Amino acid sequence: MSKVQRIDKKSLVKILDGKIKASHSIMIKFYAPHCHLCHNLADYYKDIASSYDDVLFYAFNMDDDNQELEQRYKFYGIPTFFHVKTSKTETKVTLMPEPKTPNSETWYRVNEIKDFINKNK
């Protein structure tokens, strides 16, 4: 069973807006089924998720007319990753930076994603 769970918009907004008061380390991948980069990255994301017991992994489908999320959370395009660190008192949301040299097949590289998780968890 995959450790990556799909997340609905209501739950996504709850996490990103700091409404979760338990302590968690959370990775969220924004994707769309028509995005070849997202599709190529999917198995790598599942493999990465399986190597972390202390991080929750989610995937959110941007296809359902969710462009307002890009404006609200200040990101543009997919694939995009956020790390969210929640606690009783605060929520820290970090957008993964664009790669300096994007991979033509997946945009992000596995080691870049792991480094981002390890830095923020």
Protein backbone atom coordinates (compact mmCIF):
# COMPACT_ATOMS: atom_id res chain seq x y z
CA MET A 1 0.00 0.00 0.00
CA SER A 2 1.29 3.43 -0.96
CA LYS A 3 2.13 5.87 1.79
CA VAL A 4 1.05 8.69 -0.52
CA GLN A 5 -2.58 9.60 0.02
CA ARG A 6 -4.69 11.82 -2.18
CA ILE A 7 -5.98 14.84 -0.36
CA ASP A 8 -9.13 16.85 -1.02
CA LYS A 9 -9.22 20.63 -1.25
CA LYS A 10 -10.88 21.17 2.13
CA SER A 11 -8.20 19.11 3.93
CA LEU A 12 -5.41 20.74 1.93
CA VAL A 13 -6.54 24.25 2.86
CA LYS A 14 -6.91 23.20 6.49
CA ILE A 15 -3.26 22.07 6.54
CA LEU A 16 -1.84 25.05 4.63
CA ASP A 17 -3.85 27.58 6.66
CA GLY A 18 -2.53 26.28 9.97
CA LYS A 19 -5.72 24.63 11.24
CA ILE A 20 -3.93 21.40 12.26
CA LYS A 21 -2.88 21.62 15.90
CA ALA A 22 -1.07 18.28 16.20
CA SER A 23 2.63 17.93 15.43
CA HIS A 24 3.28 16.60 11.95
CA SER A 25 5.80 16.80 9.15
CA ILE A 26 3.86 16.82 5.87
CA MET A 27 4.85 16.74 2.19
CA ILE A 28 2.29 17.76 -0.42
CA LYS A 29 2.75 17.22 -4.14
CA PHE A 30 0.58 19.27 -6.49
CA TYR A 31 0.05 17.45 -9.78
CA ALA A 32 -2.31 17.00 -12.73
CA PRO A 33 -2.95 13.79 -14.69
CA HIS A 34 -2.14 15.51 -18.01
CA CYS A 35 1.30 16.64 -16.76
CA HIS A 36 3.97 14.29 -18.11
CA LEU A 37 6.48 15.52 -15.53
CA CYS A 38 4.02 14.76 -12.71
CA HIS A 39 3.28 11.34 -14.15
CA ASN A 40 6.98 10.50 -14.49
CA LEU A 41 7.61 11.68 -10.93
CA ALA A 42 4.78 9.66 -9.34
CA ASP A 43 6.68 6.40 -8.73
CA TYR A 44 9.70 8.27 -7.37
CA TYR A 45 7.45 10.18 -4.96
CA LYS A 46 5.95 6.86 -3.76
CA ASP A 47 9.45 5.43 -3.27
CA ILE A 48 10.54 8.50 -1.33
CA ALA A 49 7.43 8.26 0.86
CA SER A 50 8.18 4.64 1.68
CA SER A 51 11.57 5.62 3.09
CA TYR A 52 10.13 8.02 5.73
CA ASP A 53 8.21 6.88 8.79
CA ASP A 54 8.04 10.35 10.31
CA VAL A 55 6.54 12.29 7.37
CA LEU A 56 3.00 12.23 5.98
CA PHE A 57 2.82 12.29 2.16
CA TYR A 58 -0.09 13.69 0.18
CA ALA A 59 -0.86 14.39 -3.47
CA PHE A 60 -3.35 17.01 -4.64
CA ASN A 61 -4.88 17.02 -8.13
CA MET A 62 -4.86 20.53 -9.61
CA ASP A 63 -7.09 19.53 -12.56
CA ASP A 64 -10.34 20.41 -10.83
CA ASP A 65 -10.12 24.13 -11.60
CA ASN A 66 -7.90 24.96 -8.63
CA GLN A 67 -5.84 27.78 -10.12
CA GLU A 68 -6.87 30.08 -7.26
CA LEU A 69 -4.70 27.91 -5.02
CA GLU A 70 -1.64 28.99 -7.00
CA GLN A 71 -2.42 32.65 -6.28
CA ARG A 72 -3.39 32.03 -2.66
CA TYR A 73 -0.25 30.04 -1.81
CA LYS A 74 2.08 31.80 -4.26
CA PHE A 75 3.20 29.02 -6.56
CA TYR A 76 2.92 28.62 -10.31
CA GLY A 77 2.88 25.42 -12.28
CA ILE A 78 3.17 21.75 -11.55
CA PRO A 79 4.71 19.63 -10.25
CA THR A 80 5.07 21.65 -7.05
CA PHE A 81 5.95 20.54 -3.53
CA PHE A 82 5.24 22.03 -0.15
CA HIS A 83 6.55 20.89 3.20
CA VAL A 84 4.35 21.75 6.16
CA LYS A 85 5.47 21.49 9.77
CA THR A 86 2.52 21.66 12.15
CA SER A 87 2.41 21.95 15.91
CA LYS A 88 0.07 23.08 18.65
CA THR A 89 1.30 26.68 18.40
CA GLU A 90 2.40 27.28 14.80
CA THR A 91 2.46 26.04 11.23
CA LYS A 92 5.45 26.53 8.95
CA VAL A 93 4.76 26.16 5.22
CA THR A 94 7.76 25.95 2.88
CA LEU A 95 7.57 25.91 -0.91
CA MET A 96 10.23 23.76 -2.58
CA PRO A 97 12.36 25.99 -4.78
CA GLU A 98 12.53 25.42 -8.51
CA PRO A 99 15.53 23.28 -9.48
CA LYS A 100 18.54 25.13 -10.87
CA THR A 101 18.78 22.59 -13.68
CA PRO A 102 15.40 20.88 -14.11
CA ASN A 103 15.29 17.23 -15.10
CA SER A 104 13.61 17.01 -18.52
CA GLU A 105 11.65 13.90 -17.46
CA THR A 106 10.60 14.71 -13.87
CA TRP A 107 11.53 18.38 -13.28
CA TYR A 108 12.76 17.61 -9.75
CA ARG A 109 15.35 14.96 -8.93
CA VAL A 110 14.92 12.44 -6.12
CA ASN A 111 17.92 13.74 -4.18
CA GLU A 112 16.54 17.32 -4.37
CA ILE A 113 13.23 16.18 -2.92
CA LYS A 114 14.91 14.17 -0.15
CA ASP A 115 17.23 17.08 0.70
CA PHE A 116 14.20 19.39 0.90
CA ILE A 117 12.37 16.99 3.23
CA ASN A 118 15.39 16.44 5.45
CA LYS A 119 16.03 20.17 5.73
CA ASN A 120 12.45 20.97 6.74
CA LYS A 121 11.15 18.03 8.79
